[in-house]
């Protein structure tokens, strides 16, 4: 994993929580594209980047409730990472959950998940 490997907790802590969540969401969005293209190696690398950024977010945030929710969400992302064939439906479901962690990130749902079915708001 080359992207984000040199990102330090100190640097990550300079970003607001909204920006941290949006940067994780950006990696989830890229991974969505790789899933649609059936590029399993790209999907795996995407989830590695997602997990790295979530780990940094947990590390730099001191709010216990936020950390707990991020770790729960991380378990879902990790399950897709180790899945033989991660599904787009499951991916979009956890993507929606991630975006709902902050009001600013939630504003992106209509733009990045507009085509997802059966995942009500």
C-alpha atoms as a PDB file:
ATOM      1  CA  UNK A   1       0.000   0.000   0.000  1.00  0.00           C
ATOM      2  CA  UNK A   2       1.720   3.162  -1.125  1.00  0.00           C
ATOM      3  CA  UNK A   3      -0.963   5.808  -0.885  1.00  0.00           C
ATOM      4  CA  UNK A   4      -1.439   7.100   2.682  1.00  0.00           C
ATOM      5  CA  UNK A   5       1.387   4.925   4.037  1.00  0.00           C
ATOM      6  CA  UNK A   6       3.433   7.986   4.964  1.00  0.00           C
ATOM      7  CA  UNK A   7       0.484   9.893   6.432  1.00  0.00           C
ATOM      8  CA  UNK A   8       1.251  10.471  10.089  1.00  0.00           C
ATOM      9  CA  UNK A   9      -1.262  10.676  12.922  1.00  0.00           C
ATOM     10  CA  UNK A  10      -0.014  14.211  13.588  1.00  0.00           C
ATOM     11  CA  UNK A  11      -0.830  15.285  10.027  1.00  0.00           C
ATOM     12  CA  UNK A  12      -4.177  13.439  10.052  1.00  0.00           C
ATOM     13  CA  UNK A  13      -5.114  15.173  13.330  1.00  0.00           C
ATOM     14  CA  UNK A  14      -4.841  18.557  11.613  1.00  0.00           C
ATOM     15  CA  UNK A  15      -7.952  17.707   9.557  1.00  0.00           C
ATOM     16  CA  UNK A  16     -11.438  18.205  10.977  1.00  0.00           C
ATOM     17  CA  UNK A  17     -13.543  15.108  11.635  1.00  0.00           C
ATOM     18  CA  UNK A  18     -15.740  16.068   8.679  1.00  0.00           C
ATOM     19  CA  UNK A  19     -12.733  16.123   6.390  1.00  0.00           C
ATOM     20  CA  UNK A  20     -11.409  12.838   7.776  1.00  0.00           C
ATOM     21  CA  UNK A  21     -14.746  11.127   7.123  1.00  0.00           C
ATOM     22  CA  UNK A  22     -14.957  12.654   3.650  1.00  0.00           C
ATOM     23  CA  UNK A  23     -11.446  11.448   2.826  1.00  0.00           C
ATOM     24  CA  UNK A  24     -12.394   7.919   3.915  1.00  0.00           C
ATOM     25  CA  UNK A  25     -15.555   8.289   1.836  1.00  0.00           C
ATOM     26  CA  UNK A  26     -13.442   9.288  -1.158  1.00  0.00           C
ATOM     27  CA  UNK A  27     -11.581   5.978  -0.902  1.00  0.00           C
ATOM     28  CA  UNK A  28     -14.904   4.140  -0.549  1.00  0.00           C
ATOM     29  CA  UNK A  29     -16.129   5.897  -3.692  1.00  0.00           C
ATOM     30  CA  UNK A  30     -13.022   4.829  -5.608  1.00  0.00           C
ATOM     31  CA  UNK A  31     -13.544   1.291  -4.363  1.00  0.00           C
ATOM     32  CA  UNK A  32     -17.145   1.431  -5.627  1.00  0.00           C
ATOM     33  CA  UNK A  33     -15.788   2.047  -9.113  1.00  0.00           C
ATOM     34  CA  UNK A  34     -13.378  -0.878  -8.792  1.00  0.00           C
ATOM     35  CA  UNK A  35     -16.257  -3.125  -7.649  1.00  0.00           C
ATOM     36  CA  UNK A  36     -18.350  -2.157 -10.671  1.00  0.00           C
ATOM     37  CA  UNK A  37     -15.371  -2.903 -12.921  1.00  0.00           C
ATOM     38  CA  UNK A  38     -14.892  -6.256 -11.162  1.00  0.00           C
ATOM     39  CA  UNK A  39     -11.282  -5.320 -10.433  1.00  0.00           C
ATOM     40  CA  UNK A  40     -10.794  -7.425  -7.298  1.00  0.00           C
ATOM     41  CA  UNK A  41      -7.169  -6.366  -6.821  1.00  0.00           C
ATOM     42  CA  UNK A  42      -8.204  -2.710  -7.025  1.00  0.00           C
ATOM     43  CA  UNK A  43     -11.016  -3.417  -4.556  1.00  0.00           C
ATOM     44  CA  UNK A  44      -8.593  -5.040  -2.119  1.00  0.00           C
ATOM     45  CA  UNK A  45      -6.181  -2.118  -2.345  1.00  0.00           C
ATOM     46  CA  UNK A  46      -9.073   0.317  -1.912  1.00  0.00           C
ATOM     47  CA  UNK A  47     -10.192  -1.378   1.282  1.00  0.00           C
ATOM     48  CA  UNK A  48      -6.600  -1.316   2.550  1.00  0.00           C
ATOM     49  CA  UNK A  49      -6.563   2.464   2.099  1.00  0.00           C
ATOM     50  CA  UNK A  50      -9.979   2.766   3.768  1.00  0.00           C
ATOM     51  CA  UNK A  51      -8.837   0.716   6.764  1.00  0.00           C
ATOM     52  CA  UNK A  52      -5.638   2.755   7.084  1.00  0.00           C
ATOM     53  CA  UNK A  53      -7.569   6.023   7.190  1.00  0.00           C
ATOM     54  CA  UNK A  54     -10.109   4.664   9.667  1.00  0.00           C
ATOM     55  CA  UNK A  55      -7.265   3.482  11.900  1.00  0.00           C
ATOM     56  CA  UNK A  56      -5.755   6.967  11.809  1.00  0.00           C
ATOM     57  CA  UNK A  57      -9.129   8.526  12.607  1.00  0.00           C
ATOM     58  CA  UNK A  58      -9.595   6.243  15.610  1.00  0.00           C
ATOM     59  CA  UNK A  59      -6.059   6.983  16.760  1.00  0.00           C
ATOM     60  CA  UNK A  60      -6.367  10.763  16.690  1.00  0.00           C
ATOM     61  CA  UNK A  61      -9.880  11.177  18.084  1.00  0.00           C
ATOM     62  CA  UNK A  62     -10.415  11.039  21.818  1.00  0.00           C
ATOM     63  CA  UNK A  63     -14.214  10.890  21.900  1.00  0.00           C
ATOM     64  CA  UNK A  64     -15.018   7.384  23.132  1.00  0.00           C
ATOM     65  CA  UNK A  65     -18.411   7.155  21.451  1.00  0.00           C
ATOM     66  CA  UNK A  66     -16.977   8.216  18.098  1.00  0.00           C
ATOM     67  CA  UNK A  67     -14.122   5.738  18.407  1.00  0.00           C
ATOM     68  CA  UNK A  68     -16.579   2.963  19.271  1.00  0.00           C
ATOM     69  CA  UNK A  69     -18.731   3.696  16.209  1.00  0.00           C
ATOM     70  CA  UNK A  70     -15.696   3.960  13.936  1.00  0.00           C
ATOM     71  CA  UNK A  71     -14.390   0.613  15.194  1.00  0.00           C
ATOM     72  CA  UNK A  72     -17.778  -1.002  14.604  1.00  0.00           C
ATOM     73  CA  UNK A  73     -17.807   0.442  11.102  1.00  0.00           C
ATOM     74  CA  UNK A  74     -14.226  -0.729  10.570  1.00  0.00           C
ATOM     75  CA  UNK A  75     -15.315  -4.305  11.326  1.00  0.00           C
ATOM     76  CA  UNK A  76     -17.809  -4.076   8.449  1.00  0.00           C
ATOM     77  CA  UNK A  77     -15.183  -2.732   6.058  1.00  0.00           C
ATOM     78  CA  UNK A  78     -12.700  -5.393   7.181  1.00  0.00           C
ATOM     79  CA  UNK A  79     -15.273  -8.109   6.477  1.00  0.00           C
ATOM     80  CA  UNK A  80     -15.562  -6.853   2.901  1.00  0.00           C
ATOM     81  CA  UNK A  81     -11.766  -6.673   2.642  1.00  0.00           C
ATOM     82  CA  UNK A  82     -11.386 -10.364   3.465  1.00  0.00           C
ATOM     83  CA  UNK A  83     -14.434 -11.481   1.451  1.00  0.00           C
ATOM     84  CA  UNK A  84     -13.623 -13.587  -1.585  1.00  0.00           C
ATOM     85  CA  UNK A  85     -16.045 -11.563  -3.681  1.00  0.00           C
ATOM     86  CA  UNK A  86     -17.228  -8.411  -1.877  1.00  0.00           C
ATOM     87  CA  UNK A  87     -20.669  -7.324  -3.034  1.00  0.00           C
ATOM     88  CA  UNK A  88     -21.618  -3.887  -4.278  1.00  0.00           C
ATOM     89  CA  UNK A  89     -24.842  -3.915  -2.238  1.00  0.00           C
ATOM     90  CA  UNK A  90     -22.960  -4.543   1.010  1.00  0.00           C
ATOM     91  CA  UNK A  91     -20.336  -1.990   0.040  1.00  0.00           C
ATOM     92  CA  UNK A  92     -22.947   0.689  -0.610  1.00  0.00           C
ATOM     93  CA  UNK A  93     -24.712  -0.107   2.669  1.00  0.00           C
ATOM     94  CA  UNK A  94     -21.584   0.476   4.745  1.00  0.00           C
ATOM     95  CA  UNK A  95     -20.659   3.471   2.579  1.00  0.00           C
ATOM     96  CA  UNK A  96     -24.016   5.034   3.523  1.00  0.00           C
ATOM     97  CA  UNK A  97     -23.358   4.317   7.213  1.00  0.00           C
ATOM     98  CA  UNK A  98     -19.968   6.010   6.988  1.00  0.00           C
ATOM     99  CA  UNK A  99     -21.451   9.108   5.402  1.00  0.00           C
ATOM    100  CA  UNK A 100     -24.068   9.305   8.139  1.00  0.00           C
ATOM    101  CA  UNK A 101     -21.380   9.732  10.810  1.00  0.00           C
ATOM    102  CA  UNK A 102     -21.294  13.504  10.323  1.00  0.00           C
ATOM    103  CA  UNK A 103     -23.900  15.951   8.987  1.00  0.00           C
ATOM    104  CA  UNK A 104     -21.446  17.380   6.461  1.00  0.00           C
ATOM    105  CA  UNK A 105     -20.607  13.927   5.070  1.00  0.00           C
ATOM    106  CA  UNK A 106     -24.296  12.980   4.967  1.00  0.00           C
ATOM    107  CA  UNK A 107     -24.861  15.773   2.450  1.00  0.00           C
ATOM    108  CA  UNK A 108     -22.872  13.695  -0.067  1.00  0.00           C
ATOM    109  CA  UNK A 109     -25.246  10.700  -0.004  1.00  0.00           C
ATOM    110  CA  UNK A 110     -27.425  11.848  -2.940  1.00  0.00           C
ATOM    111  CA  UNK A 111     -24.324  12.395  -5.060  1.00  0.00           C
ATOM    112  CA  UNK A 112     -22.340   9.209  -4.392  1.00  0.00           C
ATOM    113  CA  UNK A 113     -25.150   6.768  -3.653  1.00  0.00           C
ATOM    114  CA  UNK A 114     -27.909   8.137  -5.875  1.00  0.00           C
ATOM    115  CA  UNK A 115     -28.115   4.952  -7.925  1.00  0.00           C
ATOM    116  CA  UNK A 116     -28.150   2.508  -5.010  1.00  0.00           C
ATOM    117  CA  UNK A 117     -31.391   0.600  -4.569  1.00  0.00           C
ATOM    118  CA  UNK A 118     -33.068  -0.674  -1.467  1.00  0.00           C
ATOM    119  CA  UNK A 119     -30.939   1.361   0.902  1.00  0.00           C
ATOM    120  CA  UNK A 120     -33.472   4.019   1.955  1.00  0.00           C
ATOM    121  CA  UNK A 121     -32.358   7.243   3.645  1.00  0.00           C
END
